[in-house]
Amino acid sequence: MSILDLLPGDARMTPLPAGEVIFAQGDHGDLMYVVAQGTAQILVEGKVVETVGVGGIVGEMALIDAEPRSATAITKTDCVLIPLDVERFAGLVARHPEFALQVMRVLAHRLRRMDAER
């Protein structure tokens, strides 16, 4: 099951054109985003470390640890994003344990890839 399948039908959609900064490394983060259409890139220190497609997420770490953004996210193509704040994130975790597992899988995958690149 995709993260998109777990979101409520009334989820707010935010269209962004290609090349738009979603958030910047070092910013305070109070939203994560689910990619509903298009692709986004995650950059660390200006280097692309991942391209995220439909059903993928960006910005989740800031909701989990309340630390500044560890990366920059930019739309690679025209995108439609679904922003989730802390309250909505916590509600999804409570109602859909699979949502929490999928977020943890993303975090684990990114950590393993970053470790392998060292």
PDB file of N, CA and C in Angstrom:
ATOM      1  N   MET A   1       0.846  -1.180   0.000  1.00  0.00           N
ATOM      2  CA  MET A   1       0.000   0.000   0.000  1.00  0.00           C
ATOM      3  C   MET A   1       0.891   1.244   0.000  1.00  0.00           C
ATOM      4  N   SER A   2       0.560   2.199  -0.820  1.00  0.00           N
ATOM      5  CA  SER A   2       1.310   3.441  -0.946  1.00  0.00           C
ATOM      6  C   SER A   2       0.931   4.425   0.169  1.00  0.00           C
ATOM      7  N   ILE A   3       1.852   5.290   0.498  1.00  0.00           N
ATOM      8  CA  ILE A   3       1.544   6.359   1.453  1.00  0.00           C
ATOM      9  C   ILE A   3       0.358   7.172   0.956  1.00  0.00           C
ATOM     10  N   LEU A   4       0.267   7.383  -0.346  1.00  0.00           N
ATOM     11  CA  LEU A   4      -0.857   8.145  -0.906  1.00  0.00           C
ATOM     12  C   LEU A   4      -2.195   7.483  -0.573  1.00  0.00           C
ATOM     13  N   ASP A   5      -2.231   6.167  -0.530  1.00  0.00           N
ATOM     14  CA  ASP A   5      -3.464   5.445  -0.223  1.00  0.00           C
ATOM     15  C   ASP A   5      -3.923   5.664   1.213  1.00  0.00           C
ATOM     16  N   LEU A   6      -3.012   6.041   2.088  1.00  0.00           N
ATOM     17  CA  LEU A   6      -3.341   6.222   3.502  1.00  0.00           C
ATOM     18  C   LEU A   6      -3.795   7.639   3.834  1.00  0.00           C
ATOM     19  N   LEU A   7      -3.624   8.555   2.904  1.00  0.00           N
ATOM     20  CA  LEU A   7      -3.987   9.949   3.155  1.00  0.00           C
ATOM     21  C   LEU A   7      -5.484  10.151   2.993  1.00  0.00           C
ATOM     22  N   PRO A   8      -6.054  11.071   3.778  1.00  0.00           N
ATOM     23  CA  PRO A   8      -7.491  11.336   3.643  1.00  0.00           C
ATOM     24  C   PRO A   8      -7.805  11.966   2.283  1.00  0.00           C
ATOM     25  N   GLY A   9      -9.018  11.737   1.816  1.00  0.00           N
ATOM     26  CA  GLY A   9      -9.447  12.255   0.516  1.00  0.00           C
ATOM     27  C   GLY A   9      -9.464  13.770   0.431  1.00  0.00           C
ATOM     28  N   ASP A  10      -9.542  14.431   1.570  1.00  0.00           N
ATOM     29  CA  ASP A  10      -9.595  15.897   1.569  1.00  0.00           C
ATOM     30  C   ASP A  10      -8.220  16.536   1.784  1.00  0.00           C
ATOM     31  N   ALA A  11      -7.160  15.762   1.583  1.00  0.00           N
ATOM     32  CA  ALA A  11      -5.808  16.288   1.791  1.00  0.00           C
ATOM     33  C   ALA A  11      -5.567  17.480   0.861  1.00  0.00           C
ATOM     34  N   ARG A  12      -4.951  18.515   1.412  1.00  0.00           N
ATOM     35  CA  ARG A  12      -4.656  19.733   0.653  1.00  0.00           C
ATOM     36  C   ARG A  12      -3.560  19.441  -0.366  1.00  0.00           C
ATOM     37  N   MET A  13      -3.761  19.872  -1.590  1.00  0.00           N
ATOM     38  CA  MET A  13      -2.785  19.688  -2.667  1.00  0.00           C
ATOM     39  C   MET A  13      -2.113  21.027  -2.958  1.00  0.00           C
ATOM     40  N   THR A  14      -0.786  20.996  -3.104  1.00  0.00           N
ATOM     41  CA  THR A  14      -0.029  22.212  -3.385  1.00  0.00           C
ATOM     42  C   THR A  14       0.751  22.024  -4.685  1.00  0.00           C
ATOM     43  N   PRO A  15       0.326  22.702  -5.762  1.00  0.00           N
ATOM     44  CA  PRO A  15       1.080  22.596  -7.014  1.00  0.00           C
ATOM     45  C   PRO A  15       2.311  23.505  -6.980  1.00  0.00           C
ATOM     46  N   LEU A  16       3.432  22.996  -7.491  1.00  0.00           N
ATOM     47  CA  LEU A  16       4.662  23.784  -7.586  1.00  0.00           C
ATOM     48  C   LEU A  16       5.299  23.539  -8.950  1.00  0.00           C
ATOM     49  N   PRO A  17       5.843  24.582  -9.564  1.00  0.00           N
ATOM     50  CA  PRO A  17       6.509  24.401 -10.856  1.00  0.00           C
ATOM     51  C   PRO A  17       7.883  23.768 -10.687  1.00  0.00           C
ATOM     52  N   ALA A  18       8.424  23.257 -11.773  1.00  0.00           N
ATOM     53  CA  ALA A  18       9.774  22.692 -11.765  1.00  0.00           C
ATOM     54  C   ALA A  18      10.773  23.758 -11.321  1.00  0.00           C
ATOM     55  N   GLY A  19      11.760  23.329 -10.537  1.00  0.00           N
ATOM     56  CA  GLY A  19      12.809  24.238 -10.084  1.00  0.00           C
ATOM     57  C   GLY A  19      12.492  25.029  -8.832  1.00  0.00           C
ATOM     58  N   GLU A  20      11.360  24.778  -8.224  1.00  0.00           N
ATOM     59  CA  GLU A  20      10.945  25.499  -7.009  1.00  0.00           C
ATOM     60  C   GLU A  20      11.577  24.858  -5.774  1.00  0.00           C
ATOM     61  N   VAL A  21      12.090  25.675  -4.880  1.00  0.00           N
ATOM     62  CA  VAL A  21      12.615  25.173  -3.610  1.00  0.00           C
ATOM     63  C   VAL A  21      11.434  24.865  -2.692  1.00  0.00           C
ATOM     64  N   ILE A  22      11.361  23.641  -2.240  1.00  0.00           N
ATOM     65  CA  ILE A  22      10.304  23.227  -1.308  1.00  0.00           C
ATOM     66  C   ILE A  22      10.702  23.649   0.105  1.00  0.00           C
ATOM     67  N   PHE A  23      11.951  23.374   0.463  1.00  0.00           N
ATOM     68  CA  PHE A  23      12.548  23.859   1.706  1.00  0.00           C
ATOM     69  C   PHE A  23      14.055  23.812   1.535  1.00  0.00           C
ATOM     70  N   ALA A  24      14.752  24.574   2.377  1.00  0.00           N
ATOM     71  CA  ALA A  24      16.210  24.673   2.267  1.00  0.00           C
ATOM     72  C   ALA A  24      16.885  24.090   3.504  1.00  0.00           C
ATOM     73  N   GLN A  25      18.056  23.510   3.268  1.00  0.00           N
ATOM     74  CA  GLN A  25      18.867  22.961   4.352  1.00  0.00           C
ATOM     75  C   GLN A  25      19.084  24.045   5.397  1.00  0.00           C
ATOM     76  N   GLY A  26      18.887  23.699   6.660  1.00  0.00           N
ATOM     77  CA  GLY A  26      19.056  24.638   7.763  1.00  0.00           C
ATOM     78  C   GLY A  26      17.787  25.334   8.194  1.00  0.00           C
ATOM     79  N   ASP A  27      16.750  25.328   7.343  1.00  0.00           N
ATOM     80  CA  ASP A  27      15.471  25.950   7.700  1.00  0.00           C
ATOM     81  C   ASP A  27      14.812  25.196   8.847  1.00  0.00           C
ATOM     82  N   HIS A  28      13.976  25.915   9.592  1.00  0.00           N
ATOM     83  CA  HIS A  28      13.080  25.267  10.554  1.00  0.00           C
ATOM     84  C   HIS A  28      12.034  24.511   9.743  1.00  0.00           C
ATOM     85  N   GLY A  29      11.692  23.314  10.164  1.00  0.00           N
ATOM     86  CA  GLY A  29      10.713  22.535   9.419  1.00  0.00           C
ATOM     87  C   GLY A  29       9.508  22.186  10.245  1.00  0.00           C
ATOM     88  N   ASP A  30       8.325  22.529   9.736  1.00  0.00           N
ATOM     89  CA  ASP A  30       7.096  22.147  10.427  1.00  0.00           C
ATOM     90  C   ASP A  30       6.139  21.397   9.504  1.00  0.00           C
ATOM     91  N   LEU A  31       6.630  21.030   8.319  1.00  0.00           N
ATOM     92  CA  LEU A  31       5.842  20.260   7.366  1.00  0.00           C
ATOM     93  C   LEU A  31       6.711  19.197   6.703  1.00  0.00           C
ATOM     94  N   MET A  32       6.101  18.073   6.393  1.00  0.00           N
ATOM     95  CA  MET A  32       6.700  17.106   5.475  1.00  0.00           C
ATOM     96  C   MET A  32       5.788  17.095   4.256  1.00  0.00           C
ATOM     97  N   TYR A  33       6.261  16.506   3.172  1.00  0.00           N
ATOM     98  CA  TYR A  33       5.491  16.529   1.935  1.00  0.00           C
ATOM     99  C   TYR A  33       5.448  15.149   1.311  1.00  0.00           C
ATOM    100  N   VAL A  34       4.288  14.795   0.797  1.00  0.00           N
ATOM    101  CA  VAL A  34       4.111  13.587   0.003  1.00  0.00           C
ATOM    102  C   VAL A  34       3.998  14.040  -1.448  1.00  0.00           C
ATOM    103  N   VAL A  35       4.758  13.400  -2.328  1.00  0.00           N
ATOM    104  CA  VAL A  35       4.713  13.748  -3.748  1.00  0.00           C
ATOM    105  C   VAL A  35       3.513  13.039  -4.371  1.00  0.00           C
ATOM    106  N   ALA A  36       2.519  13.826  -4.808  1.00  0.00           N
ATOM    107  CA  ALA A  36       1.328  13.268  -5.446  1.00  0.00           C
ATOM    108  C   ALA A  36       1.481  13.204  -6.964  1.00  0.00           C
ATOM    109  N   GLN A  37       2.254  14.141  -7.514  1.00  0.00           N
ATOM    110  CA  GLN A  37       2.555  14.165  -8.954  1.00  0.00           C
ATOM    111  C   GLN A  37       3.935  14.758  -9.134  1.00  0.00           C
ATOM    112  N   GLY A  38       4.672  14.245 -10.123  1.00  0.00           N
ATOM    113  CA  GLY A  38       5.975  14.798 -10.462  1.00  0.00           C
ATOM    114  C   GLY A  38       7.111  14.151  -9.692  1.00  0.00           C
ATOM    115  N   THR A  39       8.275  14.820  -9.734  1.00  0.00           N
ATOM    116  CA  THR A  39       9.449  14.349  -9.013  1.00  0.00           C
ATOM    117  C   THR A  39      10.143  15.520  -8.335  1.00  0.00           C
ATOM    118  N   ALA A  40      10.747  15.228  -7.203  1.00  0.00           N
ATOM    119  CA  ALA A  40      11.505  16.214  -6.439  1.00  0.00           C
ATOM    120  C   ALA A  40      12.888  15.641  -6.177  1.00  0.00           C
ATOM    121  N   GLN A  41      13.841  16.530  -5.946  1.00  0.00           N
ATOM    122  CA  GLN A  41      15.193  16.095  -5.625  1.00  0.00           C
ATOM    123  C   GLN A  41      15.547  16.538  -4.225  1.00  0.00           C
ATOM    124  N   ILE A  42      16.316  15.692  -3.537  1.00  0.00           N
ATOM    125  CA  ILE A  42      16.852  16.010  -2.220  1.00  0.00           C
ATOM    126  C   ILE A  42      18.337  16.279  -2.406  1.00  0.00           C
ATOM    127  N   LEU A  43      18.798  17.425  -1.905  1.00  0.00           N
ATOM    128  CA  LEU A  43      20.200  17.823  -2.028  1.00  0.00           C
ATOM    129  C   LEU A  43      20.794  18.054  -0.651  1.00  0.00           C
ATOM    130  N   VAL A  44      22.021  17.610  -0.463  1.00  0.00           N
ATOM    131  CA  VAL A  44      22.779  17.893   0.752  1.00  0.00           C
ATOM    132  C   VAL A  44      24.047  18.614   0.318  1.00  0.00           C
ATOM    133  N   GLU A  45      24.233  19.797   0.875  1.00  0.00           N
ATOM    134  CA  GLU A  45      25.389  20.628   0.497  1.00  0.00           C
ATOM    135  C   GLU A  45      25.452  20.821  -1.023  1.00  0.00           C
ATOM    136  N   GLY A  46      24.284  20.951  -1.658  1.00  0.00           N
ATOM    137  CA  GLY A  46      24.211  21.205  -3.086  1.00  0.00           C
ATOM    138  C   GLY A  46      24.317  19.982  -3.973  1.00  0.00           C
ATOM    139  N   LYS A  47      24.552  18.807  -3.403  1.00  0.00           N
ATOM    140  CA  LYS A  47      24.691  17.568  -4.179  1.00  0.00           C
ATOM    141  C   LYS A  47      23.386  16.778  -4.117  1.00  0.00           C
ATOM    142  N   VAL A  48      22.893  16.359  -5.286  1.00  0.00           N
ATOM    143  CA  VAL A  48      21.673  15.549  -5.335  1.00  0.00           C
ATOM    144  C   VAL A  48      21.974  14.184  -4.726  1.00  0.00           C
ATOM    145  N   VAL A  49      21.208  13.835  -3.703  1.00  0.00           N
ATOM    146  CA  VAL A  49      21.393  12.535  -3.049  1.00  0.00           C
ATOM    147  C   VAL A  49      20.232  11.581  -3.321  1.00  0.00           C
ATOM    148  N   GLU A  50      19.101  12.126  -3.791  1.00  0.00           N
ATOM    149  CA  GLU A  50      17.962  11.262  -4.089  1.00  0.00           C
ATOM    150  C   GLU A  50      16.959  12.016  -4.951  1.00  0.00           C
ATOM    151  N   THR A  51      16.301  11.258  -5.826  1.00  0.00           N
ATOM    152  CA  THR A  51      15.157  11.777  -6.575  1.00  0.00           C
ATOM    153  C   THR A  51      13.932  11.024  -6.078  1.00  0.00           C
ATOM    154  N   VAL A  52      12.902  11.765  -5.727  1.00  0.00           N
ATOM    155  CA  VAL A  52      11.698  11.200  -5.111  1.00  0.00           C
ATOM    156  C   VAL A  52      10.534  11.353  -6.078  1.00  0.00           C
ATOM    157  N   GLY A  53       9.851  10.248  -6.350  1.00  0.00           N
ATOM    158  CA  GLY A  53       8.717  10.267  -7.267  1.00  0.00           C
ATOM    159  C   GLY A  53       7.393  10.174  -6.542  1.00  0.00           C
ATOM    160  N   VAL A  54       6.368   9.900  -7.312  1.00  0.00           N
ATOM    161  CA  VAL A  54       5.001   9.826  -6.802  1.00  0.00           C
ATOM    162  C   VAL A  54       4.912   8.815  -5.660  1.00  0.00           C
ATOM    163  N   GLY A  55       4.308   9.245  -4.566  1.00  0.00           N
ATOM    164  CA  GLY A  55       4.166   8.410  -3.374  1.00  0.00           C
ATOM    165  C   GLY A  55       5.340   8.527  -2.418  1.00  0.00           C
ATOM    166  N   GLY A  56       6.398   9.212  -2.843  1.00  0.00           N
ATOM    167  CA  GLY A  56       7.560   9.411  -1.980  1.00  0.00           C
ATOM    168  C   GLY A  56       7.353  10.584  -1.032  1.00  0.00           C
ATOM    169  N   ILE A  57       8.258  10.699  -0.073  1.00  0.00           N
ATOM    170  CA  ILE A  57       8.151  11.764   0.928  1.00  0.00           C
ATOM    171  C   ILE A  57       9.460  12.532   1.036  1.00  0.00           C
ATOM    172  N   VAL A  58       9.321  13.788   1.417  1.00  0.00           N
ATOM    173  CA  VAL A  58      10.467  14.639   1.721  1.00  0.00           C
ATOM    174  C   VAL A  58      10.133  15.452   2.970  1.00  0.00           C
ATOM    175  N   GLY A  59      11.165  15.730   3.762  1.00  0.00           N
ATOM    176  CA  GLY A  59      10.977  16.602   4.927  1.00  0.00           C
ATOM    177  C   GLY A  59      10.490  15.928   6.187  1.00  0.00           C
ATOM    178  N   GLU A  60      10.454  14.609   6.199  1.00  0.00           N
ATOM    179  CA  GLU A  60       9.902  13.884   7.343  1.00  0.00           C
ATOM    180  C   GLU A  60      10.746  14.015   8.603  1.00  0.00           C
ATOM    181  N   MET A  61      12.067  14.144   8.441  1.00  0.00           N
ATOM    182  CA  MET A  61      12.935  14.197   9.628  1.00  0.00           C
ATOM    183  C   MET A  61      12.608  15.383  10.530  1.00  0.00           C
ATOM    184  N   ALA A  62      12.278  16.518   9.938  1.00  0.00           N
ATOM    185  CA  ALA A  62      11.983  17.708  10.736  1.00  0.00           C
ATOM    186  C   ALA A  62      10.751  17.516  11.616  1.00  0.00           C
ATOM    187  N   LEU A  63       9.809  16.689  11.170  1.00  0.00           N
ATOM    188  CA  LEU A  63       8.630  16.428  12.006  1.00  0.00           C
ATOM    189  C   LEU A  63       8.943  15.462  13.127  1.00  0.00           C
ATOM    190  N   ILE A  64       9.910  14.596  12.897  1.00  0.00           N
ATOM    191  CA  ILE A  64      10.234  13.571  13.881  1.00  0.00           C
ATOM    192  C   ILE A  64      11.136  14.118  14.978  1.00  0.00           C
ATOM    193  N   ASP A  65      12.155  14.916  14.609  1.00  0.00           N
ATOM    194  CA  ASP A  65      13.112  15.360  15.625  1.00  0.00           C
ATOM    195  C   ASP A  65      13.122  16.860  15.908  1.00  0.00           C
ATOM    196  N   ALA A  66      12.311  17.639  15.211  1.00  0.00           N
ATOM    197  CA  ALA A  66      12.200  19.086  15.426  1.00  0.00           C
ATOM    198  C   ALA A  66      13.536  19.823  15.286  1.00  0.00           C
ATOM    199  N   GLU A  67      14.457  19.261  14.527  1.00  0.00           N
ATOM    200  CA  GLU A  67      15.741  19.902  14.242  1.00  0.00           C
ATOM    201  C   GLU A  67      15.647  20.639  12.907  1.00  0.00           C
ATOM    202  N   PRO A  68      16.597  21.528  12.630  1.00  0.00           N
ATOM    203  CA  PRO A  68      16.587  22.205  11.326  1.00  0.00           C
ATOM    204  C   PRO A  68      16.701  21.198  10.184  1.00  0.00           C
ATOM    205  N   ARG A  69      16.260  21.607   9.021  1.00  0.00           N
ATOM    206  CA  ARG A  69      16.293  20.750   7.835  1.00  0.00           C
ATOM    207  C   ARG A  69      17.717  20.289   7.557  1.00  0.00           C
ATOM    208  N   SER A  70      17.887  18.993   7.300  1.00  0.00           N
ATOM    209  CA  SER A  70      19.204  18.427   7.029  1.00  0.00           C
ATOM    210  C   SER A  70      19.521  18.431   5.541  1.00  0.00           C
ATOM    211  N   ALA A  71      18.556  18.824   4.721  1.00  0.00           N
ATOM    212  CA  ALA A  71      18.733  18.816   3.276  1.00  0.00           C
ATOM    213  C   ALA A  71      17.843  19.889   2.661  1.00  0.00           C
ATOM    214  N   THR A  72      18.067  20.114   1.387  1.00  0.00           N
ATOM    215  CA  THR A  72      17.221  20.986   0.574  1.00  0.00           C
ATOM    216  C   THR A  72      16.392  20.095  -0.332  1.00  0.00           C
ATOM    217  N   ALA A  73      15.150  20.466  -0.567  1.00  0.00           N
ATOM    218  CA  ALA A  73      14.304  19.747  -1.519  1.00  0.00           C
ATOM    219  C   ALA A  73      13.836  20.728  -2.582  1.00  0.00           C
ATOM    220  N   ILE A  74      13.971  20.306  -3.838  1.00  0.00           N
ATOM    221  CA  ILE A  74      13.608  21.138  -4.989  1.00  0.00           C
ATOM    222  C   ILE A  74      12.771  20.289  -5.937  1.00  0.00           C
ATOM    223  N   THR A  75      11.760  20.896  -6.543  1.00  0.00           N
ATOM    224  CA  THR A  75      10.989  20.171  -7.540  1.00  0.00           C
ATOM    225  C   THR A  75      11.832  20.003  -8.801  1.00  0.00           C
ATOM    226  N   LYS A  76      11.922  18.784  -9.282  1.00  0.00           N
ATOM    227  CA  LYS A  76      12.653  18.507 -10.521  1.00  0.00           C
ATOM    228  C   LYS A  76      11.743  18.735 -11.725  1.00  0.00           C
ATOM    229  N   THR A  77      10.483  18.358 -11.571  1.00  0.00           N
ATOM    230  CA  THR A  77       9.461  18.581 -12.588  1.00  0.00           C
ATOM    231  C   THR A  77       8.324  19.347 -11.927  1.00  0.00           C
ATOM    232  N   ASP A  78       7.332  19.739 -12.710  1.00  0.00           N
ATOM    233  CA  ASP A  78       6.128  20.288 -12.094  1.00  0.00           C
ATOM    234  C   ASP A  78       5.594  19.241 -11.127  1.00  0.00           C
ATOM    235  N   CYS A  79       5.224  19.679  -9.942  1.00  0.00           N
ATOM    236  CA  CYS A  79       4.801  18.746  -8.891  1.00  0.00           C
ATOM    237  C   CYS A  79       3.478  19.167  -8.268  1.00  0.00           C
ATOM    238  N   VAL A  80       2.830  18.201  -7.693  1.00  0.00           N
ATOM    239  CA  VAL A  80       1.738  18.438  -6.756  1.00  0.00           C
ATOM    240  C   VAL A  80       2.162  17.735  -5.478  1.00  0.00           C
ATOM    241  N   LEU A  81       2.251  18.519  -4.404  1.00  0.00           N
ATOM    242  CA  LEU A  81       2.681  17.995  -3.110  1.00  0.00           C
ATOM    243  C   LEU A  81       1.533  18.059  -2.121  1.00  0.00           C
ATOM    244  N   ILE A  82       1.552  17.132  -1.179  1.00  0.00           N
ATOM    245  CA  ILE A  82       0.580  17.136  -0.087  1.00  0.00           C
ATOM    246  C   ILE A  82       1.349  17.417   1.195  1.00  0.00           C
ATOM    247  N   PRO A  83       1.184  18.626   1.756  1.00  0.00           N
ATOM    248  CA  PRO A  83       1.890  18.944   3.000  1.00  0.00           C
ATOM    249  C   PRO A  83       1.201  18.300   4.200  1.00  0.00           C
ATOM    250  N   LEU A  84       2.015  17.807   5.129  1.00  0.00           N
ATOM    251  CA  LEU A  84       1.495  17.241   6.378  1.00  0.00           C
ATOM    252  C   LEU A  84       2.181  17.940   7.540  1.00  0.00           C
ATOM    253  N   ASP A  85       1.397  18.505   8.443  1.00  0.00           N
ATOM    254  CA  ASP A  85       1.975  19.112   9.639  1.00  0.00           C
ATOM    255  C   ASP A  85       2.083  18.059  10.739  1.00  0.00           C
ATOM    256  N   VAL A  86       2.613  18.446  11.878  1.00  0.00           N
ATOM    257  CA  VAL A  86       2.851  17.503  12.975  1.00  0.00           C
ATOM    258  C   VAL A  86       1.551  16.831  13.421  1.00  0.00           C
ATOM    259  N   GLU A  87       0.490  17.597  13.511  1.00  0.00           N
ATOM    260  CA  GLU A  87      -0.787  17.042  13.966  1.00  0.00           C
ATOM    261  C   GLU A  87      -1.312  15.986  12.994  1.00  0.00           C
ATOM    262  N   ARG A  88      -1.282  16.293  11.711  1.00  0.00           N
ATOM    263  CA  ARG A  88      -1.758  15.330  10.717  1.00  0.00           C
ATOM    264  C   ARG A  88      -0.838  14.107  10.663  1.00  0.00           C
ATOM    265  N   PHE A  89       0.473  14.343  10.766  1.00  0.00           N
ATOM    266  CA  PHE A  89       1.450  13.250  10.789  1.00  0.00           C
ATOM    267  C   PHE A  89       1.162  12.315  11.961  1.00  0.00           C
ATOM    268  N   ALA A  90       0.993  12.878  13.156  1.00  0.00           N
ATOM    269  CA  ALA A  90       0.721  12.066  14.347  1.00  0.00           C
ATOM    270  C   ALA A  90      -0.593  11.305  14.208  1.00  0.00           C
ATOM    271  N   GLY A  91      -1.598  11.937  13.623  1.00  0.00           N
ATOM    272  CA  GLY A  91      -2.877  11.260  13.403  1.00  0.00           C
ATOM    273  C   GLY A  91      -2.744  10.078  12.461  1.00  0.00           C
ATOM    274  N   LEU A  92      -1.958  10.264  11.400  1.00  0.00           N
ATOM    275  CA  LEU A  92      -1.733   9.160  10.461  1.00  0.00           C
ATOM    276  C   LEU A  92      -0.985   8.008  11.124  1.00  0.00           C
ATOM    277  N   VAL A  93       0.005   8.339  11.939  1.00  0.00           N
ATOM    278  CA  VAL A  93       0.760   7.306  12.654  1.00  0.00           C
ATOM    279  C   VAL A  93      -0.176   6.531  13.591  1.00  0.00           C
ATOM    280  N   ALA A  94      -1.061   7.250  14.290  1.00  0.00           N
ATOM    281  CA  ALA A  94      -1.975   6.605  15.231  1.00  0.00           C
ATOM    282  C   ALA A  94      -3.013   5.726  14.525  1.00  0.00           C
ATOM    283  N   ARG A  95      -3.545   6.221  13.422  1.00  0.00           N
ATOM    284  CA  ARG A  95      -4.607   5.492  12.718  1.00  0.00           C
ATOM    285  C   ARG A  95      -4.090   4.409  11.775  1.00  0.00           C
ATOM    286  N   HIS A  96      -2.888   4.626  11.245  1.00  0.00           N
ATOM    287  CA  HIS A  96      -2.355   3.711  10.237  1.00  0.00           C
ATOM    288  C   HIS A  96      -0.913   3.347  10.582  1.00  0.00           C
ATOM    289  N   PRO A  97      -0.701   2.319  11.394  1.00  0.00           N
ATOM    290  CA  PRO A  97       0.672   1.912  11.713  1.00  0.00           C
ATOM    291  C   PRO A  97       1.521   1.661  10.463  1.00  0.00           C
ATOM    292  N   GLU A  98       0.897   1.258   9.364  1.00  0.00           N
ATOM    293  CA  GLU A  98       1.628   1.048   8.115  1.00  0.00           C
ATOM    294  C   GLU A  98       2.277   2.351   7.628  1.00  0.00           C
ATOM    295  N   PHE A  99       1.629   3.485   7.887  1.00  0.00           N
ATOM    296  CA  PHE A  99       2.209   4.780   7.523  1.00  0.00           C
ATOM    297  C   PHE A  99       3.532   4.978   8.260  1.00  0.00           C
ATOM    298  N   ALA A 100       3.526   4.712   9.568  1.00  0.00           N
ATOM    299  CA  ALA A 100       4.751   4.854  10.360  1.00  0.00           C
ATOM    300  C   ALA A 100       5.839   3.916   9.848  1.00  0.00           C
ATOM    301  N   LEU A 101       5.479   2.690   9.517  1.00  0.00           N
ATOM    302  CA  LEU A 101       6.453   1.730   8.990  1.00  0.00           C
ATOM    303  C   LEU A 101       7.036   2.202   7.659  1.00  0.00           C
ATOM    304  N   GLN A 102       6.208   2.763   6.807  1.00  0.00           N
ATOM    305  CA  GLN A 102       6.705   3.248   5.524  1.00  0.00           C
ATOM    306  C   GLN A 102       7.665   4.426   5.714  1.00  0.00           C
ATOM    307  N   VAL A 103       7.356   5.323   6.624  1.00  0.00           N
ATOM    308  CA  VAL A 103       8.262   6.441   6.909  1.00  0.00           C
ATOM    309  C   VAL A 103       9.583   5.909   7.466  1.00  0.00           C
ATOM    310  N   MET A 104       9.514   4.933   8.374  1.00  0.00           N
ATOM    311  CA  MET A 104      10.744   4.347   8.917  1.00  0.00           C
ATOM    312  C   MET A 104      11.563   3.658   7.833  1.00  0.00           C
ATOM    313  N   ARG A 105      10.903   3.002   6.889  1.00  0.00           N
ATOM    314  CA  ARG A 105      11.625   2.360   5.779  1.00  0.00           C
ATOM    315  C   ARG A 105      12.360   3.401   4.943  1.00  0.00           C
ATOM    316  N   VAL A 106      11.714   4.521   4.685  1.00  0.00           N
ATOM    317  CA  VAL A 106      12.362   5.597   3.920  1.00  0.00           C
ATOM    318  C   VAL A 106      13.591   6.092   4.674  1.00  0.00           C
ATOM    319  N   LEU A 107      13.435   6.351   5.965  1.00  0.00           N
ATOM    320  CA  LEU A 107      14.565   6.820   6.772  1.00  0.00           C
ATOM    321  C   LEU A 107      15.708   5.810   6.779  1.00  0.00           C
ATOM    322  N   ALA A 108      15.380   4.537   6.947  1.00  0.00           N
ATOM    323  CA  ALA A 108      16.413   3.500   6.975  1.00  0.00           C
ATOM    324  C   ALA A 108      17.124   3.404   5.632  1.00  0.00           C
ATOM    325  N   HIS A 109      16.364   3.452   4.559  1.00  0.00           N
ATOM    326  CA  HIS A 109      16.942   3.379   3.214  1.00  0.00           C
ATOM    327  C   HIS A 109      17.897   4.546   2.970  1.00  0.00           C
ATOM    328  N   ARG A 110      17.476   5.744   3.348  1.00  0.00           N
ATOM    329  CA  ARG A 110      18.327   6.926   3.137  1.00  0.00           C
ATOM    330  C   ARG A 110      19.579   6.860   3.995  1.00  0.00           C
ATOM    331  N   LEU A 111      19.458   6.399   5.222  1.00  0.00           N
ATOM    332  CA  LEU A 111      20.612   6.278   6.106  1.00  0.00           C
ATOM    333  C   LEU A 111      21.601   5.254   5.563  1.00  0.00           C
ATOM    334  N   ARG A 112      21.108   4.108   5.136  1.00  0.00           N
ATOM    335  CA  ARG A 112      21.992   3.075   4.581  1.00  0.00           C
ATOM    336  C   ARG A 112      22.717   3.579   3.332  1.00  0.00           C
ATOM    337  N   ARG A 113      21.989   4.288   2.470  1.00  0.00           N
ATOM    338  CA  ARG A 113      22.611   4.797   1.254  1.00  0.00           C
ATOM    339  C   ARG A 113      23.681   5.842   1.583  1.00  0.00           C
ATOM    340  N   MET A 114      23.407   6.720   2.519  1.00  0.00           N
ATOM    341  CA  MET A 114      24.391   7.732   2.909  1.00  0.00           C
ATOM    342  C   MET A 114      25.613   7.079   3.532  1.00  0.00           C
ATOM    343  N   ASP A 115      25.419   6.039   4.354  1.00  0.00           N
ATOM    344  CA  ASP A 115      26.541   5.316   4.946  1.00  0.00           C
ATOM    345  C   ASP A 115      27.381   4.639   3.866  1.00  0.00           C
ATOM    346  N   ALA A 116      26.718   4.071   2.873  1.00  0.00           N
ATOM    347  CA  ALA A 116      27.438   3.367   1.805  1.00  0.00           C
ATOM    348  C   ALA A 116      28.260   4.333   0.953  1.00  0.00           C
ATOM    349  N   GLU A 117      27.829   5.584   0.867  1.00  0.00           N
ATOM    350  CA  GLU A 117      28.532   6.575   0.039  1.00  0.00           C
ATOM    351  C   GLU A 117      29.726   7.188   0.739  1.00  0.00           C
ATOM    352  N   ARG A 118      29.888   6.912   2.011  1.00  0.00           N
ATOM    353  CA  ARG A 118      31.030   7.479   2.749  1.00  0.00           C
ATOM    354  C   ARG A 118      32.315   6.838   2.390  1.00  0.00           C
TER     355      ARG A 118
END
